[in-house]
Structure formats: structure tokens, C-alpha cells
């Protein structure tokens, strides 16, 4: 696939994704994405995003919990 931003080629990788659902932030590991080898832009297939939502809306294993700061500029 060709990157829409820089025209570079993408390659399929397993990455870490920040995902918001119903006002909650989740960090998912080992998510398949097409990643541009030039600029790093990420592209997700609709099936992947739908499966993430289904997983998070049900009971799911939690590897870790993090505390983060939210700062207003």
C-alpha cells in the first residue's frame, strides 16, 4: 500500500495502539497495522478496529494498569 501522506511504501507490522472507547483510553499491544516505512503513518483495516471494539466492550484480560497525567495548555 502507498502512504497517503508521503507516498512511501507501507509494511505490515504488529504495533502498540492507543485506542479510545466510550471515554476510556486503552493501550493495545500486538495490533496489526500497515506502517509507512518513510514517515511512520499507520493504517488499520476496518476488521481490526471492529475486533478491538468488540474485545474491549466485553470481558477482557488486563495485562497492566497505568496512571497518566492530563495537562491543559
C-alpha atoms as a PDB file:
ATOM      1  CA  UNK A   1       0.000   0.000   0.000  1.00  0.00           C
ATOM      2  CA  UNK A   2       1.155   3.556  -0.657  1.00  0.00           C
ATOM      3  CA  UNK A   3       1.116   6.151   2.165  1.00  0.00           C
ATOM      4  CA  UNK A   4      -1.389   8.949   1.576  1.00  0.00           C
ATOM      5  CA  UNK A   5       0.852  11.482   3.324  1.00  0.00           C
ATOM      6  CA  UNK A   6       4.339  10.967   1.904  1.00  0.00           C
ATOM      7  CA  UNK A   7       3.931   8.451  -0.910  1.00  0.00           C
ATOM      8  CA  UNK A   8       6.161   5.898   0.833  1.00  0.00           C
ATOM      9  CA  UNK A   9       5.572   2.162   0.869  1.00  0.00           C
ATOM     10  CA  UNK A  10       3.891   0.526   3.868  1.00  0.00           C
ATOM     11  CA  UNK A  11       4.693  -2.764   5.517  1.00  0.00           C
ATOM     12  CA  UNK A  12       2.544  -4.867   7.850  1.00  0.00           C
ATOM     13  CA  UNK A  13       3.723  -4.804  11.476  1.00  0.00           C
ATOM     14  CA  UNK A  14       2.453  -5.617  14.953  1.00  0.00           C
ATOM     15  CA  UNK A  15       2.411  -2.354  16.912  1.00  0.00           C
ATOM     16  CA  UNK A  16       1.152  -0.762  20.142  1.00  0.00           C
ATOM     17  CA  UNK A  17      -2.034   1.283  19.643  1.00  0.00           C
ATOM     18  CA  UNK A  18      -3.714   3.874  21.830  1.00  0.00           C
ATOM     19  CA  UNK A  19      -7.470   3.412  21.454  1.00  0.00           C
ATOM     20  CA  UNK A  20     -10.306   5.479  22.905  1.00  0.00           C
ATOM     21  CA  UNK A  21     -13.679   3.817  23.503  1.00  0.00           C
ATOM     22  CA  UNK A  22     -16.592   5.309  25.463  1.00  0.00           C
ATOM     23  CA  UNK A  23     -14.324   7.960  27.016  1.00  0.00           C
ATOM     24  CA  UNK A  24     -11.707   5.461  28.217  1.00  0.00           C
ATOM     25  CA  UNK A  25      -8.179   5.134  26.892  1.00  0.00           C
ATOM     26  CA  UNK A  26      -6.793   1.661  26.232  1.00  0.00           C
ATOM     27  CA  UNK A  27      -3.305   0.652  25.118  1.00  0.00           C
ATOM     28  CA  UNK A  28      -3.344  -2.465  22.974  1.00  0.00           C
ATOM     29  CA  UNK A  29      -0.246  -4.452  22.087  1.00  0.00           C
ATOM     30  CA  UNK A  30       0.369  -6.655  19.031  1.00  0.00           C
ATOM     31  CA  UNK A  31      -2.162  -4.852  16.825  1.00  0.00           C
ATOM     32  CA  UNK A  32      -1.683  -5.458  13.109  1.00  0.00           C
ATOM     33  CA  UNK A  33      -1.262  -2.264  11.069  1.00  0.00           C
ATOM     34  CA  UNK A  34       0.215  -1.160   7.777  1.00  0.00           C
ATOM     35  CA  UNK A  35       3.016   1.248   8.722  1.00  0.00           C
ATOM     36  CA  UNK A  36       4.755   3.608   6.289  1.00  0.00           C
ATOM     37  CA  UNK A  37       8.482   2.883   6.208  1.00  0.00           C
ATOM     38  CA  UNK A  38       9.181   6.556   5.378  1.00  0.00           C
ATOM     39  CA  UNK A  39       7.044   8.632   7.773  1.00  0.00           C
ATOM     40  CA  UNK A  40       5.575   6.051  10.197  1.00  0.00           C
ATOM     41  CA  UNK A  41       1.916   6.784   9.420  1.00  0.00           C
ATOM     42  CA  UNK A  42      -0.291   3.869  10.490  1.00  0.00           C
ATOM     43  CA  UNK A  43      -3.250   2.378   8.657  1.00  0.00           C
ATOM     44  CA  UNK A  44      -5.694  -0.051  10.295  1.00  0.00           C
ATOM     45  CA  UNK A  45      -8.088  -2.352   8.469  1.00  0.00           C
ATOM     46  CA  UNK A  46     -11.728  -1.896   9.476  1.00  0.00           C
ATOM     47  CA  UNK A  47     -11.919  -5.527  10.655  1.00  0.00           C
ATOM     48  CA  UNK A  48      -9.074  -4.893  13.107  1.00  0.00           C
ATOM     49  CA  UNK A  49     -10.744  -1.789  14.554  1.00  0.00           C
ATOM     50  CA  UNK A  50     -14.096  -3.587  14.836  1.00  0.00           C
ATOM     51  CA  UNK A  51     -12.460  -6.533  16.617  1.00  0.00           C
ATOM     52  CA  UNK A  52     -10.757  -4.144  19.060  1.00  0.00           C
ATOM     53  CA  UNK A  53     -14.095  -2.530  19.938  1.00  0.00           C
ATOM     54  CA  UNK A  54     -15.761  -5.926  20.407  1.00  0.00           C
ATOM     55  CA  UNK A  55     -12.908  -7.101  22.635  1.00  0.00           C
ATOM     56  CA  UNK A  56     -12.980  -4.005  24.828  1.00  0.00           C
ATOM     57  CA  UNK A  57     -16.769  -3.918  25.176  1.00  0.00           C
ATOM     58  CA  UNK A  58     -16.768  -7.400  26.713  1.00  0.00           C
ATOM     59  CA  UNK A  59     -14.784  -9.044  29.468  1.00  0.00           C
ATOM     60  CA  UNK A  60     -11.118  -8.978  28.533  1.00  0.00           C
ATOM     61  CA  UNK A  61      -7.800  -9.762  30.219  1.00  0.00           C
ATOM     62  CA  UNK A  62      -5.858  -6.771  31.572  1.00  0.00           C
ATOM     63  CA  UNK A  63      -2.070  -7.027  31.405  1.00  0.00           C
ATOM     64  CA  UNK A  64      -1.336  -3.845  33.377  1.00  0.00           C
ATOM     65  CA  UNK A  65      -2.844  -0.559  34.514  1.00  0.00           C
ATOM     66  CA  UNK A  66      -1.117   2.801  34.172  1.00  0.00           C
ATOM     67  CA  UNK A  67      -1.745   6.172  35.745  1.00  0.00           C
ATOM     68  CA  UNK A  68      -1.372   9.110  33.349  1.00  0.00           C
ATOM     69  CA  UNK A  69      -1.450  12.876  33.752  1.00  0.00           C
ATOM     70  CA  UNK A  70      -3.740  15.082  31.664  1.00  0.00           C
ATOM     71  CA  UNK A  71      -2.367  18.594  31.246  1.00  0.00           C
ATOM     72  CA  UNK A  72      -4.183  21.590  29.753  1.00  0.00           C
ATOM     73  CA  UNK A  73      -2.030  24.050  27.792  1.00  0.00           C
END
